[in-house]
Protein backbone atom coordinates (compact mmCIF):
# COMPACT_ATOMS: atom_id res chain seq x y z
CA MET A 1 81.17 106.07 43.89
CA SER A 2 78.64 103.29 43.70
CA ILE A 3 75.37 103.67 41.94
CA ILE A 4 73.83 101.00 43.82
CA ASN A 5 71.35 102.81 46.47
CA LYS A 6 69.91 99.32 47.67
CA ALA A 7 70.90 95.83 47.56
CA ALA A 8 69.45 92.34 47.63
CA ALA A 9 71.15 89.23 48.04
CA ILE A 10 69.24 85.94 47.93
CA GLY A 11 71.27 83.26 49.05
CA GLY A 12 73.87 83.55 51.47
CA GLY A 13 76.31 80.34 51.12
CA VAL A 14 79.99 81.14 50.30
CA ILE A 15 79.29 83.03 47.10
CA GLY A 16 76.24 85.04 48.58
CA ALA A 17 77.90 85.98 51.61
CA GLY A 18 81.01 87.68 49.65
CA TRP A 19 78.70 89.71 47.84
CA VAL A 20 77.13 91.07 50.84
CA ALA A 21 80.64 91.60 52.34
CA ARG A 22 81.79 93.64 49.34
CA LEU A 23 78.16 95.25 49.12
CA LEU A 24 78.37 96.53 52.84
CA LEU A 25 81.60 97.55 52.93
CA ASN A 26 81.18 100.01 50.03
CA GLY A 27 78.33 101.30 52.12
CA ILE A 28 75.44 99.85 50.61
CA ASP A 29 72.31 98.48 52.50
CA VAL A 30 71.94 94.89 51.91
CA SER A 31 68.66 92.64 52.85
CA ILE A 32 69.35 89.29 52.53
CA PHE A 33 66.95 86.07 52.33
CA ASP A 34 68.28 82.53 52.84
CA PRO A 35 66.19 80.08 54.74
CA ASP A 36 69.39 78.27 56.46
CA PRO A 37 68.62 78.71 60.16
CA GLU A 38 72.40 79.28 60.44
CA ALA A 39 72.52 82.14 57.54
CA SER A 40 73.31 84.75 59.97
CA ARG A 41 76.33 83.07 61.43
CA LYS A 42 77.48 82.18 58.11
CA VAL A 43 77.48 85.69 56.74
CA GLY A 44 78.87 86.80 59.97
CA GLU A 45 82.07 84.63 59.72
CA VAL A 46 82.42 85.92 56.06
CA MET A 47 82.20 89.38 57.10
CA LYS A 48 84.65 89.00 59.87
CA GLY A 49 87.65 88.07 57.11
CA ALA A 50 86.18 90.67 54.77
CA ARG A 51 86.59 93.75 57.18
CA ARG A 52 89.96 91.89 58.04
CA ALA A 53 91.09 92.00 54.35
CA TYR A 54 89.28 95.48 53.81
CA LYS A 55 91.30 97.16 56.78
CA GLN A 56 94.95 95.76 55.37
CA MET A 57 93.73 97.30 51.99
CA VAL A 58 92.44 100.68 53.63
CA PRO A 59 94.23 101.68 56.75
CA GLY A 60 93.24 104.97 56.86
CA GLY A 61 89.54 104.06 57.57
CA LEU A 62 86.65 102.34 55.75
CA PRO A 63 83.34 104.02 54.59
CA LYS A 64 80.55 103.60 57.02
CA GLU A 65 79.09 100.01 56.37
CA GLY A 66 75.73 99.26 55.02
CA LYS A 67 72.95 98.15 57.08
CA LEU A 68 72.56 94.23 56.84
CA THR A 69 68.94 93.34 57.10
CA PHE A 70 67.81 89.18 57.40
CA ALA A 71 64.36 89.41 55.48
CA LYS A 72 61.92 86.76 56.23
CA THR A 73 60.76 86.30 52.51
CA ILE A 74 62.30 86.88 48.65
CA ALA A 75 59.55 89.47 48.40
CA GLU A 76 60.78 91.42 51.33
CA ALA A 77 64.57 91.06 50.32
CA VAL A 78 63.72 92.47 47.15
CA ALA A 79 60.90 95.04 47.62
CA ASP A 80 63.16 98.14 47.43
CA ALA A 81 66.20 97.14 45.83
CA ASP A 82 67.75 98.66 42.60
CA PHE A 83 70.48 95.75 42.58
CA ILE A 84 69.80 92.35 43.34
CA GLN A 85 71.92 89.05 43.14
CA GLU A 86 71.02 86.04 43.22
CA SER A 87 73.44 83.19 44.61
CA VAL A 88 71.41 79.81 45.24
CA PRO A 89 72.72 76.41 44.55
CA GLU A 90 73.58 75.33 40.85
CA ARG A 91 70.26 73.35 39.97
CA LEU A 92 67.84 74.72 37.14
CA ASP A 93 64.50 74.03 38.72
CA LEU A 94 65.58 75.93 42.19
CA LYS A 95 66.91 79.06 40.03
CA HIS A 96 63.48 78.97 38.22
CA ARG A 97 61.51 78.99 41.46
CA VAL A 98 63.72 81.99 42.97
CA LEU A 99 63.93 84.09 40.09
CA ALA A 100 60.18 84.05 39.13
CA GLU A 101 59.79 85.08 42.89
CA ILE A 102 62.35 87.89 42.33
CA ASP A 103 60.80 88.74 39.09
CA ALA A 104 57.28 89.01 40.87
CA HIS A 105 58.28 91.67 43.50
CA ALA A 106 61.35 93.37 42.53
CA PRO A 107 61.03 97.05 41.05
CA ALA A 108 60.53 96.78 37.40
CA ASN A 109 64.04 98.72 36.86
CA ALA A 110 65.94 96.50 39.25
CA ILE A 111 69.03 94.56 37.73
CA VAL A 112 68.99 91.00 38.36
CA GLY A 113 72.60 89.31 38.57
CA SER A 114 72.73 85.70 38.92
CA SER A 115 75.93 84.08 40.48
CA THR A 116 75.60 81.01 38.43
CA SER A 117 78.82 79.42 37.40
CA GLY A 118 77.57 77.61 34.03
CA ILE A 119 73.72 77.73 33.69
CA LYS A 120 72.90 80.08 30.68
CA PRO A 121 70.74 82.87 31.25
CA THR A 122 68.80 82.23 28.53
CA ASP A 123 67.75 78.65 30.20
CA MET A 124 66.92 80.68 33.72
CA GLN A 125 64.71 83.99 32.10
CA VAL A 126 62.26 81.42 31.11
CA ALA A 127 60.95 81.52 34.68
CA MET A 128 60.70 85.53 34.51
CA LYS A 129 57.33 86.25 33.34
CA LYS A 130 57.54 90.14 33.81
CA HIS A 131 61.19 91.62 33.02
CA PRO A 132 63.33 88.74 32.13
CA GLU A 133 65.29 91.31 30.01
CA ARG A 134 66.83 92.74 33.43
CA LEU A 135 68.58 89.52 34.08
CA VAL A 136 72.19 88.75 33.52
CA VAL A 137 74.53 86.44 34.89
CA GLY A 138 76.98 88.00 37.11
CA HIS A 139 79.54 85.19 37.77
CA PRO A 140 82.09 86.21 40.02
CA PHE A 141 84.92 84.36 41.91
CA ASN A 142 85.95 83.52 45.42
CA PRO A 143 86.48 85.51 47.44
CA VAL A 144 83.99 88.02 46.18
CA TYR A 145 85.02 90.68 48.42
CA LEU A 146 88.61 90.69 47.08
CA LEU A 147 88.94 89.12 43.71
CA PRO A 148 87.56 91.94 41.20
CA LEU A 149 86.67 89.68 37.84
CA VAL A 150 82.97 89.27 37.18
CA GLU A 151 81.73 87.71 34.00
CA ILE A 152 78.61 89.45 32.64
CA VAL A 153 76.69 87.42 30.19
CA GLY A 154 73.28 88.33 28.65
CA GLY A 155 70.36 85.93 27.61
CA GLU A 156 67.90 85.78 24.52
CA GLN A 157 65.51 88.02 26.21
CA THR A 158 68.68 90.46 27.97
CA PHE A 159 68.43 93.80 26.96
CA PRO A 160 71.70 95.97 25.86
CA GLU A 161 70.87 98.30 28.33
CA ALA A 162 70.47 95.97 31.03
CA ILE A 163 74.15 95.03 30.24
CA GLU A 164 75.59 98.58 30.24
CA VAL A 165 73.64 99.19 33.58
CA ALA A 166 75.25 95.96 35.22
CA LYS A 167 78.47 97.07 34.01
CA GLU A 168 78.20 100.36 35.65
CA MET A 169 76.80 98.80 38.95
CA TYR A 170 79.51 96.34 39.15
CA ALA A 171 82.35 98.48 38.60
CA SER A 172 80.93 101.11 41.09
CA ILE A 173 81.83 98.44 43.94
CA GLY A 174 85.38 97.94 42.39
CA MET A 175 85.12 95.16 40.12
CA LYS A 176 86.19 94.17 36.76
CA PRO A 177 83.11 93.42 34.62
CA VAL A 178 83.91 91.20 31.39
CA VAL A 179 81.04 90.82 28.74
CA ILE A 180 81.20 87.54 27.47
CA ARG A 181 80.56 87.79 23.74
CA LYS A 182 78.32 84.89 23.12
CA GLU A 183 76.29 82.81 25.63
CA ILE A 184 77.54 79.52 26.66
CA GLU A 185 77.70 76.82 29.38
CA ALA A 186 80.07 77.98 32.11
CA PHE A 187 81.27 80.96 30.10
CA VAL A 188 85.02 81.22 30.23
CA GLY A 189 86.63 81.29 33.33
CA ASP A 190 85.11 78.22 34.71
CA ARG A 191 86.10 76.28 31.19
CA LEU A 192 89.50 77.16 31.76
CA LEU A 193 89.27 75.90 35.28
CA GLU A 194 87.16 72.72 34.32
CA ALA A 195 89.91 72.04 31.88
CA ALA A 196 92.90 72.06 34.14
CA TRP A 197 90.51 70.52 36.90
CA ARG A 198 90.02 67.28 34.59
CA GLU A 199 93.85 67.20 33.87
CA ALA A 200 94.76 67.47 37.58
CA LEU A 201 92.10 64.34 38.49
CA TRP A 202 94.12 62.30 36.08
CA LEU A 203 97.41 63.17 37.35
CA ILE A 204 96.66 62.80 40.52
CA LYS A 205 94.81 58.99 39.82
CA ASP A 206 97.89 57.61 38.03
CA GLY A 207 99.94 58.60 40.63
CA ILE A 208 102.21 61.14 38.79
CA CYS A 209 101.73 63.57 41.77
CA THR A 210 100.23 64.39 44.94
CA VAL A 211 97.80 67.31 45.01
CA GLU A 212 100.43 69.20 47.37
CA GLU A 213 103.15 68.64 44.63
CA LEU A 214 100.74 69.75 41.61
CA ASP A 215 99.78 72.90 43.80
CA ASP A 216 103.49 73.46 44.19
CA ILE A 217 103.67 73.43 40.34
CA MET A 218 101.15 76.03 40.19
CA ARG A 219 102.23 78.47 42.42
CA TYR A 220 105.71 78.40 42.14
CA GLY A 221 105.50 78.34 38.46
CA PHE A 222 102.49 79.32 36.11
CA GLY A 223 100.27 80.63 38.59
CA LEU A 224 102.66 83.66 39.28
CA ARG A 225 103.09 84.34 35.72
CA TRP A 226 99.01 84.39 35.17
CA ALA A 227 98.50 86.58 38.17
CA GLN A 228 100.39 89.54 36.73
CA MET A 229 99.83 89.04 32.77
CA GLY A 230 97.54 86.10 31.71
CA MET A 231 98.07 83.34 29.27
CA PHE A 232 98.54 85.10 26.11
CA GLN A 233 100.58 87.65 27.25
CA VAL A 234 102.90 85.47 28.88
CA TYR A 235 103.30 83.45 25.84
CA ARG A 236 103.98 86.75 23.62
CA VAL A 237 106.77 87.39 25.86
CA ALA A 238 107.86 83.49 25.53
CA GLY A 239 108.01 84.09 21.56
CA GLY A 240 111.24 86.25 22.43
CA GLU A 241 111.25 89.35 20.34
CA ALA A 242 109.40 87.83 17.28
CA GLY A 243 106.40 87.60 19.49
CA MET A 244 103.34 85.69 19.38
CA ARG A 245 103.81 84.36 15.76
CA HIS A 246 106.96 82.83 16.46
CA PHE A 247 105.68 81.16 19.89
CA MET A 248 102.48 79.54 17.99
CA ALA A 249 104.98 78.48 15.36
CA GLN A 250 107.41 76.78 17.79
CA PHE A 251 104.88 74.76 20.10
CA GLY A 252 101.69 74.69 17.62
CA PRO A 253 102.67 70.68 16.56
CA CYS A 254 102.60 69.91 20.38
CA LEU A 255 98.91 70.11 19.97
CA LYS A 256 99.11 66.92 18.34
CA TRP A 257 101.30 64.96 20.86
CA PRO A 258 99.42 63.05 23.28
CA TRP A 259 100.24 65.10 26.17
CA THR A 260 96.58 65.44 27.56
CA LYS A 261 93.52 63.15 28.73
CA LEU A 262 91.68 66.43 28.50
CA MET A 263 88.56 65.04 26.77
CA ASP A 264 88.22 62.07 29.20
CA VAL A 265 87.07 61.81 32.53
CA PRO A 266 88.57 59.49 35.09
CA GLU A 267 85.41 57.64 36.93
CA PHE A 268 84.50 59.87 40.09
CA ASN A 269 84.26 56.99 42.53
CA ASP A 270 84.60 56.95 46.23
CA GLU A 271 88.19 55.53 45.72
CA LEU A 272 89.65 58.79 43.82
CA VAL A 273 87.42 61.16 46.27
CA ASP A 274 89.30 59.62 49.38
CA LEU A 275 92.44 59.82 47.79
CA ILE A 276 92.27 62.77 47.03
CA ALA A 277 90.45 64.06 49.80
CA THR A 278 93.34 62.12 52.09
CA GLN A 279 96.37 64.03 50.28
CA SER A 280 94.37 67.24 50.83
CA ASP A 281 94.01 66.92 54.74
CA GLU A 282 97.55 66.20 54.96
CA GLN A 283 98.40 69.20 52.45
CA ALA A 284 96.61 71.36 55.09
CA HIS A 285 99.12 70.38 58.10
CA GLY A 286 96.23 70.79 60.26
CA LEU A 287 94.98 74.58 59.55
CA SER A 288 91.04 75.05 59.54
CA ILE A 289 89.17 76.41 56.92
CA ARG A 290 88.92 79.68 58.27
CA GLU A 291 92.51 79.81 58.56
CA LEU A 292 93.27 78.93 55.41
CA GLU A 293 90.68 81.77 54.50
CA LYS A 294 92.85 84.25 56.48
CA ILE A 295 95.83 83.12 54.56
CA ARG A 296 94.35 83.36 51.29
CA ASP A 297 93.08 86.93 52.01
CA ASP A 298 96.63 88.39 53.40
CA ASN A 299 98.05 86.66 50.40
CA LEU A 300 95.64 87.99 47.77
CA VAL A 301 95.62 91.72 49.47
CA ALA A 302 99.33 91.64 49.32
CA ILE A 303 99.15 90.67 45.44
CA MET A 304 97.60 93.29 44.26
CA ASP A 305 99.19 95.85 46.56
CA ALA A 306 102.38 94.78 45.25
CA LEU A 307 101.06 94.93 41.64
CA SER A 308 99.11 98.56 42.68
CA LYS A 309 102.92 99.87 42.47
CA GLN A 310 104.27 98.45 39.43
CA ASN A 311 104.32 100.36 35.82
CA LYS A 312 105.90 103.43 37.32
CA GLY A 313 103.19 103.59 39.95
CA LYS A 314 100.17 103.35 37.77
CA GLY A 315 99.61 99.77 39.09
CA TRP A 316 99.37 96.74 36.51
CA GLY A 317 96.76 94.39 35.72
CA ALA A 318 94.68 93.68 38.88
CA GLY A 319 96.99 96.10 41.02
CA ALA A 320 95.76 98.95 38.96
CA LEU A 321 92.02 98.63 39.58
CA HIS A 322 93.11 97.68 43.25
CA LYS A 323 94.65 101.40 43.78
CA ASP A 324 91.65 102.69 41.82
CA TYR A 325 89.18 100.80 44.47
CA THR A 326 91.33 101.60 47.78
CA ARG A 327 91.20 105.16 46.65
CA GLN A 328 87.71 105.37 45.94
CA LEU A 329 87.20 103.54 49.44
CA ALA A 330 89.10 106.12 51.40
CA LYS A 331 87.58 108.85 49.30
CA LEU A 332 84.01 107.41 50.19
CA ALA A 333 85.14 107.50 53.65
CA ALA A 334 86.30 111.01 53.76
CA LYS A 335 82.83 112.33 51.97
CA LYS A 336 79.70 110.72 52.94
CA PRO A 337 77.36 113.26 51.46
CA MET A 338 77.84 112.05 47.78
CA ALA A 339 75.14 108.97 48.04
CA SER A 340 72.60 111.57 46.57
CA LYS A 341 74.68 112.32 43.10
CA ALA A 342 74.99 108.17 42.87
CA ALA A 343 71.31 107.99 43.57
CA GLU A 344 70.81 110.48 40.48
CA LYS A 345 73.29 108.60 38.42
CA ALA A 346 71.46 105.39 38.89
CA LYS A 347 68.32 106.21 37.67
CA ALA A 348 70.03 108.15 34.48
CA LEU A 349 71.18 104.81 33.79
CA LYS A 350 68.46 102.44 34.16
CA PRO A 351 66.31 101.55 31.28
CA VAL A 352 62.89 102.73 32.58
CA LYS A 353 61.04 103.04 29.37
CA LYS A 354 62.79 100.14 27.99
CA ALA A 355 61.84 97.79 30.74
CA GLU A 356 57.90 98.49 29.49
CA LYS A 357 58.77 96.70 26.19
CA PRO A 358 59.05 92.77 26.90
CA LYS A 359 55.46 92.65 27.83
CA LYS A 360 54.22 92.90 24.45
CA LYS A 361 56.95 91.23 22.56
CA THR A 362 56.73 88.37 24.90
CA GLY A 363 52.74 87.83 24.30
CA LYS A 364 53.38 88.18 20.97
CA LYS A 365 55.87 85.05 21.24
CA LYS A 366 53.72 83.31 23.35
CA GLY A 367 50.53 83.72 21.80
């Protein structure tokens, strides 16, 4: 059961709209601000896909959908929200302006999550003069309404209590929060993706393979392994009965071999962009982005559903979480009056008294 009473979304692009969809489909009212005149249409398109996917996940009926309101200003959007997710483009100056306005108008106890994929929270907190202690990075993966992972990162001024409340809030809407132990640019997920992306660019540029061949290598091979175990557990199994120590002893020397161009970056010029874009167009075989999104969502639901039946019916990995989440949605659909208890839990979790401390601390540091 969600402990979020009212949410605000600042930014309605692909990620922001994904957050809106997940929140609404958990029965939570959302107020969104996005200056894009096409925002309503774009969010609506994402909602269509999300509803379609959730109906497959919970065929017995979904909870009553939350109410979506398009606010005219950031101040209006965050006025009475206890959970705010910022999803504006990756420009620090823009983040500063938006977070400063959120901080100025949001309730003192509201948790503010940023969807940034690489900016450190400490670098964003400097713009928050009232309550920087309640900002966390809440970095999701697309599509937000289906993929459960959210990386939580605190900055230098973030209160530990705020991280704990954020974990509770994200978990309450079916997500898997993972707290990153040390603040670092790009966190963990995007650092791994960036490593694979750099290597892939070289492989395409050097004519080793096409984008479709590279994708086939991933989706017919190690991608399937990663979906159900992850890198280290897969390699543990690959080590045989001796496990991880044997695997590392066997393959450790390979790290010194010239297998990678990882630290080098190919020149990102028009020629490379045209090469990759042309091959990508051929790979799509005329399917539109919306059609590809439907295929993606159907596949993700099917994969998580299959994993939910493993481990003697207990579920495995993302499947275990998927099993619990679909049950939660079904119960929420059947028992609507539980919202008041959720509200009480949310109030109990919030660092009400702690939120008053940063003013004095911040003043001493600046003075």
